[in-house]
N, C-alpha and C. Protein backbone atom coordinates (compact mmCIF):
# COMPACT_ATOMS: atom_id res chain seq x y z
N MET A 1 -19.04 36.11 20.92
CA MET A 1 -18.55 34.86 20.37
C MET A 1 -17.03 34.82 20.48
N SER A 2 -16.49 33.72 20.91
CA SER A 2 -15.04 33.55 21.03
C SER A 2 -14.42 33.43 19.65
N ARG A 3 -13.23 34.00 19.52
CA ARG A 3 -12.49 33.94 18.26
C ARG A 3 -11.32 32.97 18.44
N PHE A 4 -11.05 32.22 17.40
CA PHE A 4 -9.96 31.26 17.40
C PHE A 4 -9.10 31.47 16.17
N VAL A 5 -7.87 30.99 16.25
CA VAL A 5 -6.98 30.94 15.09
C VAL A 5 -6.64 29.47 14.84
N VAL A 6 -6.42 29.14 13.60
CA VAL A 6 -5.95 27.80 13.24
C VAL A 6 -4.43 27.84 13.34
N VAL A 7 -3.89 26.87 14.05
CA VAL A 7 -2.45 26.80 14.26
C VAL A 7 -1.90 25.50 13.68
N LEU A 8 -0.60 25.51 13.43
CA LEU A 8 0.07 24.41 12.76
C LEU A 8 1.41 24.20 13.45
N ASN A 9 1.82 22.93 13.62
CA ASN A 9 3.14 22.69 14.21
C ASN A 9 4.10 22.16 13.14
N ASP A 10 5.33 21.88 13.53
CA ASP A 10 6.36 21.44 12.57
C ASP A 10 6.04 20.09 11.95
N GLU A 11 5.18 19.31 12.57
CA GLU A 11 4.77 18.01 12.02
C GLU A 11 3.55 18.15 11.10
N GLU A 12 3.16 19.42 10.83
CA GLU A 12 2.03 19.73 9.96
C GLU A 12 0.71 19.18 10.51
N GLN A 13 0.59 19.26 11.84
CA GLN A 13 -0.65 18.90 12.53
C GLN A 13 -1.37 20.19 12.87
N TYR A 14 -2.68 20.20 12.71
CA TYR A 14 -3.49 21.40 12.90
C TYR A 14 -4.23 21.35 14.23
N SER A 15 -4.55 22.54 14.72
CA SER A 15 -5.38 22.68 15.90
C SER A 15 -5.97 24.08 15.87
N LEU A 16 -6.88 24.35 16.81
CA LEU A 16 -7.35 25.72 16.95
C LEU A 16 -6.95 26.22 18.32
N TRP A 17 -6.80 27.54 18.42
CA TRP A 17 -6.29 28.17 19.63
C TRP A 17 -7.02 29.48 19.83
N PRO A 18 -7.34 29.83 21.08
CA PRO A 18 -8.00 31.11 21.32
C PRO A 18 -7.17 32.27 20.76
N ALA A 19 -7.82 33.14 20.00
CA ALA A 19 -7.12 34.23 19.31
C ALA A 19 -6.49 35.22 20.28
N ASP A 20 -7.01 35.31 21.49
CA ASP A 20 -6.51 36.29 22.44
C ASP A 20 -5.43 35.74 23.37
N ARG A 21 -4.92 34.55 23.09
CA ARG A 21 -3.87 33.95 23.93
C ARG A 21 -2.61 33.76 23.12
N GLY A 22 -1.48 33.82 23.79
CA GLY A 22 -0.20 33.55 23.15
C GLY A 22 -0.12 32.09 22.74
N LEU A 23 0.60 31.84 21.68
CA LEU A 23 0.71 30.47 21.17
C LEU A 23 1.66 29.64 22.02
N PRO A 24 1.37 28.35 22.16
CA PRO A 24 2.32 27.47 22.86
C PRO A 24 3.56 27.26 21.98
N ASP A 25 4.65 26.90 22.62
CA ASP A 25 5.89 26.64 21.88
C ASP A 25 5.66 25.57 20.82
N GLY A 26 6.26 25.76 19.67
CA GLY A 26 6.20 24.77 18.60
C GLY A 26 5.01 24.93 17.66
N TRP A 27 4.17 25.93 17.88
CA TRP A 27 2.99 26.15 17.05
C TRP A 27 3.08 27.53 16.41
N ARG A 28 2.53 27.66 15.20
CA ARG A 28 2.49 28.94 14.50
C ARG A 28 1.10 29.14 13.91
N VAL A 29 0.73 30.38 13.70
CA VAL A 29 -0.57 30.69 13.11
C VAL A 29 -0.57 30.25 11.66
N GLU A 30 -1.59 29.52 11.26
CA GLU A 30 -1.72 29.01 9.89
C GLU A 30 -2.31 30.07 8.97
N GLY A 31 -3.13 30.96 9.51
CA GLY A 31 -3.67 32.05 8.70
C GLY A 31 -5.18 32.19 8.72
N PHE A 32 -5.88 31.22 9.27
CA PHE A 32 -7.34 31.29 9.31
C PHE A 32 -7.79 31.66 10.71
N GLU A 33 -8.76 32.56 10.81
CA GLU A 33 -9.32 32.97 12.09
C GLU A 33 -10.83 33.03 11.98
N GLY A 34 -11.52 32.65 13.04
CA GLY A 34 -12.97 32.70 13.04
C GLY A 34 -13.54 32.09 14.31
N GLY A 35 -14.81 31.76 14.26
CA GLY A 35 -15.45 31.07 15.37
C GLY A 35 -14.98 29.62 15.42
N LYS A 36 -15.30 28.95 16.51
CA LYS A 36 -14.84 27.56 16.70
C LYS A 36 -15.30 26.66 15.56
N ASP A 37 -16.56 26.70 15.21
CA ASP A 37 -17.07 25.83 14.15
C ASP A 37 -16.44 26.15 12.80
N GLU A 38 -16.22 27.45 12.53
CA GLU A 38 -15.57 27.84 11.27
C GLU A 38 -14.15 27.31 11.20
N CYS A 39 -13.42 27.43 12.30
CA CYS A 39 -12.04 26.95 12.34
C CYS A 39 -11.98 25.43 12.18
N LEU A 40 -12.88 24.73 12.86
CA LEU A 40 -12.90 23.27 12.74
C LEU A 40 -13.23 22.84 11.32
N ALA A 41 -14.15 23.55 10.67
CA ALA A 41 -14.48 23.24 9.27
C ALA A 41 -13.29 23.50 8.37
N HIS A 42 -12.56 24.57 8.63
CA HIS A 42 -11.37 24.87 7.82
C HIS A 42 -10.32 23.77 8.00
N ILE A 43 -10.08 23.37 9.25
CA ILE A 43 -9.11 22.30 9.51
C ILE A 43 -9.52 21.03 8.78
N GLU A 44 -10.79 20.69 8.85
CA GLU A 44 -11.27 19.48 8.17
C GLU A 44 -11.04 19.55 6.66
N SER A 45 -11.13 20.74 6.08
CA SER A 45 -10.96 20.88 4.63
C SER A 45 -9.50 20.85 4.20
N VAL A 46 -8.57 21.28 5.07
CA VAL A 46 -7.16 21.35 4.66
C VAL A 46 -6.29 20.22 5.20
N TRP A 47 -6.70 19.61 6.30
CA TRP A 47 -5.87 18.56 6.91
C TRP A 47 -6.37 17.21 6.41
N THR A 48 -5.90 16.86 5.23
CA THR A 48 -6.41 15.66 4.57
C THR A 48 -5.58 14.42 4.88
N ASP A 49 -4.36 14.59 5.36
CA ASP A 49 -3.51 13.46 5.73
C ASP A 49 -3.09 13.64 7.18
N MET A 50 -3.65 12.84 8.06
CA MET A 50 -3.44 13.02 9.49
C MET A 50 -2.08 12.48 9.97
N LEU A 51 -1.32 11.83 9.11
CA LEU A 51 -0.02 11.33 9.52
C LEU A 51 0.94 12.49 9.75
N PRO A 52 1.75 12.45 10.81
CA PRO A 52 2.74 13.50 11.02
C PRO A 52 3.72 13.57 9.85
N ARG A 53 4.24 14.75 9.58
CA ARG A 53 5.17 14.95 8.47
C ARG A 53 6.37 14.02 8.53
N SER A 54 6.94 13.81 9.72
CA SER A 54 8.11 12.94 9.84
C SER A 54 7.79 11.52 9.45
N LEU A 55 6.60 11.03 9.77
CA LEU A 55 6.21 9.67 9.39
C LEU A 55 5.97 9.59 7.88
N ARG A 56 5.32 10.60 7.31
CA ARG A 56 5.12 10.60 5.85
C ARG A 56 6.46 10.60 5.13
N SER A 57 7.42 11.36 5.62
CA SER A 57 8.75 11.41 5.01
C SER A 57 9.45 10.06 5.13
N ALA A 58 9.35 9.41 6.27
CA ALA A 58 10.00 8.11 6.47
C ALA A 58 9.38 7.06 5.55
N MET A 59 8.08 7.16 5.35
CA MET A 59 7.40 6.17 4.50
C MET A 59 7.76 6.33 3.02
N THR A 60 8.10 7.55 2.61
CA THR A 60 8.45 7.80 1.22
C THR A 60 9.95 7.83 1.00
N GLY A 61 10.72 7.72 2.09
CA GLY A 61 12.18 7.71 1.98
C GLY A 61 12.78 9.07 1.74
N GLU A 62 12.06 10.13 2.05
CA GLU A 62 12.59 11.48 1.84
C GLU A 62 13.45 11.92 2.98
């Protein structure tokens, strides 16, 4: 079974990435690792606001 890690970028957008590959620029490991379905379920549970961080900040005036 392939292993994946959940990754996060500066805009607080989530994705999954093969655990055995180097991360692309601008992404960091979020801390969850597992199979594809497990990672997707984790992302669904934690990524509750799909708006990029910069847009959320602009909308609230921060």
